[in-house]
Amino acid sequence: MHSGFPTSTGVGRITTAGVITVWPLPEARELTALVYDPRHHGFVVADAKAAVLRWFPTPA
């Protein structure tokens, strides 16, 4: 299972060891929510300020 969290302009991940990694999402303005899509191995991210959904593939 993959988990992540949105920041205002990126997507983050916390490992079980407590390591936090954040990847910027180009052109993101105000990310508010994300949902993991296991079929495509990535996240659909809601950008509230731009009123769009953005795709973010899961980093290796």
PDB file of N, CA and C in Angstrom:
ATOM      1  N   MET A   1       0.847  -1.184   0.000  1.00  0.00           N
ATOM      2  CA  MET A   1       0.000   0.000   0.000  1.00  0.00           C
ATOM      3  C   MET A   1       0.890   1.244   0.000  1.00  0.00           C
ATOM      4  N   HIS A   2       0.501   2.234  -0.761  1.00  0.00           N
ATOM      5  CA  HIS A   2       1.244   3.479  -0.828  1.00  0.00           C
ATOM      6  C   HIS A   2       0.491   4.547  -0.049  1.00  0.00           C
ATOM      7  N   SER A   3       1.242   5.411   0.588  1.00  0.00           N
ATOM      8  CA  SER A   3       0.601   6.520   1.281  1.00  0.00           C
ATOM      9  C   SER A   3       1.389   7.779   0.976  1.00  0.00           C
ATOM     10  N   GLY A   4       0.722   8.867   1.105  1.00  0.00           N
ATOM     11  CA  GLY A   4       1.360  10.138   0.842  1.00  0.00           C
ATOM     12  C   GLY A   4       0.513  11.242   1.422  1.00  0.00           C
ATOM     13  N   PHE A   5       1.041  12.456   1.328  1.00  0.00           N
ATOM     14  CA  PHE A   5       0.296  13.611   1.809  1.00  0.00           C
ATOM     15  C   PHE A   5       0.589  14.796   0.902  1.00  0.00           C
ATOM     16  N   PRO A   6      -0.376  15.691   0.747  1.00  0.00           N
ATOM     17  CA  PRO A   6      -0.126  16.874  -0.074  1.00  0.00           C
ATOM     18  C   PRO A   6       0.501  17.987   0.773  1.00  0.00           C
ATOM     19  N   THR A   7       1.393  18.749   0.158  1.00  0.00           N
ATOM     20  CA  THR A   7       1.833  20.022   0.717  1.00  0.00           C
ATOM     21  C   THR A   7       1.160  21.071  -0.170  1.00  0.00           C
ATOM     22  N   SER A   8       1.446  22.319   0.020  1.00  0.00           N
ATOM     23  CA  SER A   8       0.782  23.317  -0.819  1.00  0.00           C
ATOM     24  C   SER A   8       1.179  23.187  -2.291  1.00  0.00           C
ATOM     25  N   THR A   9       2.411  22.730  -2.570  1.00  0.00           N
ATOM     26  CA  THR A   9       2.861  22.643  -3.959  1.00  0.00           C
ATOM     27  C   THR A   9       3.586  21.341  -4.283  1.00  0.00           C
ATOM     28  N   GLY A  10       3.384  20.306  -3.485  1.00  0.00           N
ATOM     29  CA  GLY A  10       4.066  19.041  -3.743  1.00  0.00           C
ATOM     30  C   GLY A  10       3.390  17.877  -3.052  1.00  0.00           C
ATOM     31  N   VAL A  11       4.008  16.715  -3.221  1.00  0.00           N
ATOM     32  CA  VAL A  11       3.509  15.484  -2.613  1.00  0.00           C
ATOM     33  C   VAL A  11       4.616  14.924  -1.737  1.00  0.00           C
ATOM     34  N   GLY A  12       4.252  14.525  -0.515  1.00  0.00           N
ATOM     35  CA  GLY A  12       5.239  13.998   0.414  1.00  0.00           C
ATOM     36  C   GLY A  12       4.970  12.560   0.782  1.00  0.00           C
ATOM     37  N   ARG A  13       6.006  11.927   1.350  1.00  0.00           N
ATOM     38  CA  ARG A  13       5.875  10.553   1.821  1.00  0.00           C
ATOM     39  C   ARG A  13       6.690  10.421   3.107  1.00  0.00           C
ATOM     40  N   ILE A  14       6.167   9.674   4.075  1.00  0.00           N
ATOM     41  CA  ILE A  14       6.874   9.385   5.321  1.00  0.00           C
ATOM     42  C   ILE A  14       7.069   7.883   5.393  1.00  0.00           C
ATOM     43  N   THR A  15       8.322   7.447   5.588  1.00  0.00           N
ATOM     44  CA  THR A  15       8.584   6.015   5.700  1.00  0.00           C
ATOM     45  C   THR A  15       8.336   5.556   7.135  1.00  0.00           C
ATOM     46  N   THR A  16       8.310   4.256   7.335  1.00  0.00           N
ATOM     47  CA  THR A  16       8.130   3.723   8.688  1.00  0.00           C
ATOM     48  C   THR A  16       9.321   4.066   9.581  1.00  0.00           C
ATOM     49  N   ALA A  17      10.458   4.407   8.987  1.00  0.00           N
ATOM     50  CA  ALA A  17      11.635   4.821   9.748  1.00  0.00           C
ATOM     51  C   ALA A  17      11.589   6.308  10.099  1.00  0.00           C
ATOM     52  N   GLY A  18      10.553   6.998   9.631  1.00  0.00           N
ATOM     53  CA  GLY A  18      10.405   8.412   9.940  1.00  0.00           C
ATOM     54  C   GLY A  18      11.075   9.362   8.962  1.00  0.00           C
ATOM     55  N   VAL A  19      11.534   8.859   7.828  1.00  0.00           N
ATOM     56  CA  VAL A  19      12.169   9.700   6.811  1.00  0.00           C
ATOM     57  C   VAL A  19      11.084  10.363   5.972  1.00  0.00           C
ATOM     58  N   ILE A  20      11.155  11.697   5.871  1.00  0.00           N
ATOM     59  CA  ILE A  20      10.175  12.464   5.094  1.00  0.00           C
ATOM     60  C   ILE A  20      10.819  12.912   3.786  1.00  0.00           C
ATOM     61  N   THR A  21      10.126  12.668   2.678  1.00  0.00           N
ATOM     62  CA  THR A  21      10.567  13.117   1.361  1.00  0.00           C
ATOM     63  C   THR A  21       9.408  13.882   0.730  1.00  0.00           C
ATOM     64  N   VAL A  22       9.715  15.031   0.117  1.00  0.00           N
ATOM     65  CA  VAL A  22       8.681  15.826  -0.564  1.00  0.00           C
ATOM     66  C   VAL A  22       9.159  16.101  -1.986  1.00  0.00           C
ATOM     67  N   TRP A  23       8.275  15.817  -2.956  1.00  0.00           N
ATOM     68  CA  TRP A  23       8.563  16.087  -4.363  1.00  0.00           C
ATOM     69  C   TRP A  23       7.681  17.241  -4.829  1.00  0.00           C
ATOM     70  N   PRO A  24       8.266  18.244  -5.478  1.00  0.00           N
ATOM     71  CA  PRO A  24       7.450  19.348  -5.999  1.00  0.00           C
ATOM     72  C   PRO A  24       6.615  18.882  -7.187  1.00  0.00           C
ATOM     73  N   LEU A  25       5.452  19.447  -7.330  1.00  0.00           N
ATOM     74  CA  LEU A  25       4.576  19.155  -8.464  1.00  0.00           C
ATOM     75  C   LEU A  25       4.540  20.424  -9.316  1.00  0.00           C
ATOM     76  N   PRO A  26       5.167  20.397 -10.500  1.00  0.00           N
ATOM     77  CA  PRO A  26       5.237  21.600 -11.331  1.00  0.00           C
ATOM     78  C   PRO A  26       3.861  22.240 -11.546  1.00  0.00           C
ATOM     79  N   GLU A  27       3.818  23.526 -11.441  1.00  0.00           N
ATOM     80  CA  GLU A  27       2.634  24.358 -11.652  1.00  0.00           C
ATOM     81  C   GLU A  27       1.562  24.206 -10.577  1.00  0.00           C
ATOM     82  N   ALA A  28       1.830  23.456  -9.524  1.00  0.00           N
ATOM     83  CA  ALA A  28       0.854  23.320  -8.436  1.00  0.00           C
ATOM     84  C   ALA A  28       0.727  24.651  -7.710  1.00  0.00           C
ATOM     85  N   ARG A  29      -0.509  24.967  -7.289  1.00  0.00           N
ATOM     86  CA  ARG A  29      -0.754  26.251  -6.621  1.00  0.00           C
ATOM     87  C   ARG A  29      -1.258  26.068  -5.195  1.00  0.00           C
ATOM     88  N   GLU A  30      -2.145  25.113  -4.963  1.00  0.00           N
ATOM     89  CA  GLU A  30      -2.664  24.869  -3.615  1.00  0.00           C
ATOM     90  C   GLU A  30      -3.251  23.459  -3.548  1.00  0.00           C
ATOM     91  N   LEU A  31      -2.381  22.482  -3.321  1.00  0.00           N
ATOM     92  CA  LEU A  31      -2.825  21.091  -3.277  1.00  0.00           C
ATOM     93  C   LEU A  31      -3.555  20.839  -1.967  1.00  0.00           C
ATOM     94  N   THR A  32      -4.689  20.155  -2.057  1.00  0.00           N
ATOM     95  CA  THR A  32      -5.502  19.969  -0.861  1.00  0.00           C
ATOM     96  C   THR A  32      -5.786  18.511  -0.528  1.00  0.00           C
ATOM     97  N   ALA A  33      -5.766  17.623  -1.494  1.00  0.00           N
ATOM     98  CA  ALA A  33      -6.097  16.222  -1.233  1.00  0.00           C
ATOM     99  C   ALA A  33      -5.465  15.346  -2.300  1.00  0.00           C
ATOM    100  N   LEU A  34      -5.263  14.081  -1.955  1.00  0.00           N
ATOM    101  CA  LEU A  34      -4.761  13.139  -2.951  1.00  0.00           C
ATOM    102  C   LEU A  34      -5.358  11.767  -2.714  1.00  0.00           C
ATOM    103  N   VAL A  35      -5.430  10.994  -3.800  1.00  0.00           N
ATOM    104  CA  VAL A  35      -5.961   9.637  -3.764  1.00  0.00           C
ATOM    105  C   VAL A  35      -5.001   8.757  -4.558  1.00  0.00           C
ATOM    106  N   TYR A  36      -4.596   7.630  -3.979  1.00  0.00           N
ATOM    107  CA  TYR A  36      -3.694   6.710  -4.667  1.00  0.00           C
ATOM    108  C   TYR A  36      -4.466   5.880  -5.690  1.00  0.00           C
ATOM    109  N   ASP A  37      -3.910   5.744  -6.890  1.00  0.00           N
ATOM    110  CA  ASP A  37      -4.494   4.924  -7.951  1.00  0.00           C
ATOM    111  C   ASP A  37      -3.578   3.717  -8.167  1.00  0.00           C
ATOM    112  N   PRO A  38      -3.906   2.554  -7.582  1.00  0.00           N
ATOM    113  CA  PRO A  38      -3.015   1.399  -7.679  1.00  0.00           C
ATOM    114  C   PRO A  38      -2.866   0.851  -9.097  1.00  0.00           C
ATOM    115  N   ARG A  39      -3.866   1.050  -9.935  1.00  0.00           N
ATOM    116  CA  ARG A  39      -3.772   0.565 -11.319  1.00  0.00           C
ATOM    117  C   ARG A  39      -2.681   1.277 -12.101  1.00  0.00           C
ATOM    118  N   HIS A  40      -2.495   2.556 -11.806  1.00  0.00           N
ATOM    119  CA  HIS A  40      -1.523   3.361 -12.553  1.00  0.00           C
ATOM    120  C   HIS A  40      -0.320   3.774 -11.709  1.00  0.00           C
ATOM    121  N   HIS A  41      -0.253   3.295 -10.480  1.00  0.00           N
ATOM    122  CA  HIS A  41       0.882   3.537  -9.572  1.00  0.00           C
ATOM    123  C   HIS A  41       1.213   5.021  -9.417  1.00  0.00           C
ATOM    124  N   GLY A  42       0.232   5.764  -8.982  1.00  0.00           N
ATOM    125  CA  GLY A  42       0.445   7.184  -8.746  1.00  0.00           C
ATOM    126  C   GLY A  42      -0.727   7.784  -7.999  1.00  0.00           C
ATOM    127  N   PHE A  43      -0.698   9.088  -7.860  1.00  0.00           N
ATOM    128  CA  PHE A  43      -1.712   9.815  -7.111  1.00  0.00           C
ATOM    129  C   PHE A  43      -2.469  10.792  -8.002  1.00  0.00           C
ATOM    130  N   VAL A  44      -3.751  10.913  -7.754  1.00  0.00           N
ATOM    131  CA  VAL A  44      -4.547  11.988  -8.324  1.00  0.00           C
ATOM    132  C   VAL A  44      -4.606  13.040  -7.223  1.00  0.00           C
ATOM    133  N   VAL A  45      -4.172  14.250  -7.539  1.00  0.00           N
ATOM    134  CA  VAL A  45      -4.047  15.312  -6.548  1.00  0.00           C
ATOM    135  C   VAL A  45      -4.986  16.461  -6.900  1.00  0.00           C
ATOM    136  N   ALA A  46      -5.734  16.953  -5.925  1.00  0.00           N
ATOM    137  CA  ALA A  46      -6.646  18.084  -6.143  1.00  0.00           C
ATOM    138  C   ALA A  46      -5.909  19.389  -5.899  1.00  0.00           C
ATOM    139  N   ASP A  47      -5.954  20.280  -6.875  1.00  0.00           N
ATOM    140  CA  ASP A  47      -5.365  21.616  -6.755  1.00  0.00           C
ATOM    141  C   ASP A  47      -6.524  22.602  -6.647  1.00  0.00           C
ATOM    142  N   ALA A  48      -6.819  23.030  -5.429  1.00  0.00           N
ATOM    143  CA  ALA A  48      -7.993  23.868  -5.162  1.00  0.00           C
ATOM    144  C   ALA A  48      -7.915  25.237  -5.825  1.00  0.00           C
ATOM    145  N   LYS A  49      -6.762  25.866  -5.771  1.00  0.00           N
ATOM    146  CA  LYS A  49      -6.640  27.221  -6.317  1.00  0.00           C
ATOM    147  C   LYS A  49      -6.746  27.236  -7.846  1.00  0.00           C
ATOM    148  N   ALA A  50      -6.180  26.213  -8.495  1.00  0.00           N
ATOM    149  CA  ALA A  50      -6.242  26.139  -9.953  1.00  0.00           C
ATOM    150  C   ALA A  50      -7.518  25.435 -10.431  1.00  0.00           C
ATOM    151  N   ALA A  51      -8.274  24.822  -9.507  1.00  0.00           N
ATOM    152  CA  ALA A  51      -9.518  24.106  -9.816  1.00  0.00           C
ATOM    153  C   ALA A  51      -9.295  22.996 -10.838  1.00  0.00           C
ATOM    154  N   VAL A  52      -8.235  22.195 -10.611  1.00  0.00           N
ATOM    155  CA  VAL A  52      -7.924  21.075 -11.492  1.00  0.00           C
ATOM    156  C   VAL A  52      -7.484  19.868 -10.665  1.00  0.00           C
ATOM    157  N   LEU A  53      -7.528  18.692 -11.296  1.00  0.00           N
ATOM    158  CA  LEU A  53      -6.922  17.488 -10.728  1.00  0.00           C
ATOM    159  C   LEU A  53      -5.600  17.293 -11.462  1.00  0.00           C
ATOM    160  N   ARG A  54      -4.585  16.936 -10.723  1.00  0.00           N
ATOM    161  CA  ARG A  54      -3.262  16.727 -11.321  1.00  0.00           C
ATOM    162  C   ARG A  54      -2.834  15.284 -11.085  1.00  0.00           C
ATOM    163  N   TRP A  55      -2.040  14.740 -11.993  1.00  0.00           N
ATOM    164  CA  TRP A  55      -1.526  13.393 -11.883  1.00  0.00           C
ATOM    165  C   TRP A  55      -0.090  13.466 -11.367  1.00  0.00           C
ATOM    166  N   PHE A  56       0.234  12.588 -10.401  1.00  0.00           N
ATOM    167  CA  PHE A  56       1.588  12.505  -9.860  1.00  0.00           C
ATOM    168  C   PHE A  56       1.979  11.040  -9.782  1.00  0.00           C
ATOM    169  N   PRO A  57       2.881  10.560 -10.676  1.00  0.00           N
ATOM    170  CA  PRO A  57       3.297   9.162 -10.613  1.00  0.00           C
ATOM    171  C   PRO A  57       4.116   8.898  -9.363  1.00  0.00           C
ATOM    172  N   THR A  58       3.989   7.705  -8.795  1.00  0.00           N
ATOM    173  CA  THR A  58       4.734   7.351  -7.595  1.00  0.00           C
ATOM    174  C   THR A  58       6.227   7.277  -7.920  1.00  0.00           C
ATOM    175  N   PRO A  59       7.055   8.042  -7.205  1.00  0.00           N
ATOM    176  CA  PRO A  59       8.507   7.980  -7.434  1.00  0.00           C
ATOM    177  C   PRO A  59       9.065   6.618  -7.008  1.00  0.00           C
ATOM    178  N   ALA A  60      10.132   6.222  -7.641  1.00  0.00           N
ATOM    179  CA  ALA A  60      10.768   4.924  -7.326  1.00  0.00           C
ATOM    180  C   ALA A  60      11.445   4.968  -5.987  1.00  0.00           C
TER     181      ALA A  60
END
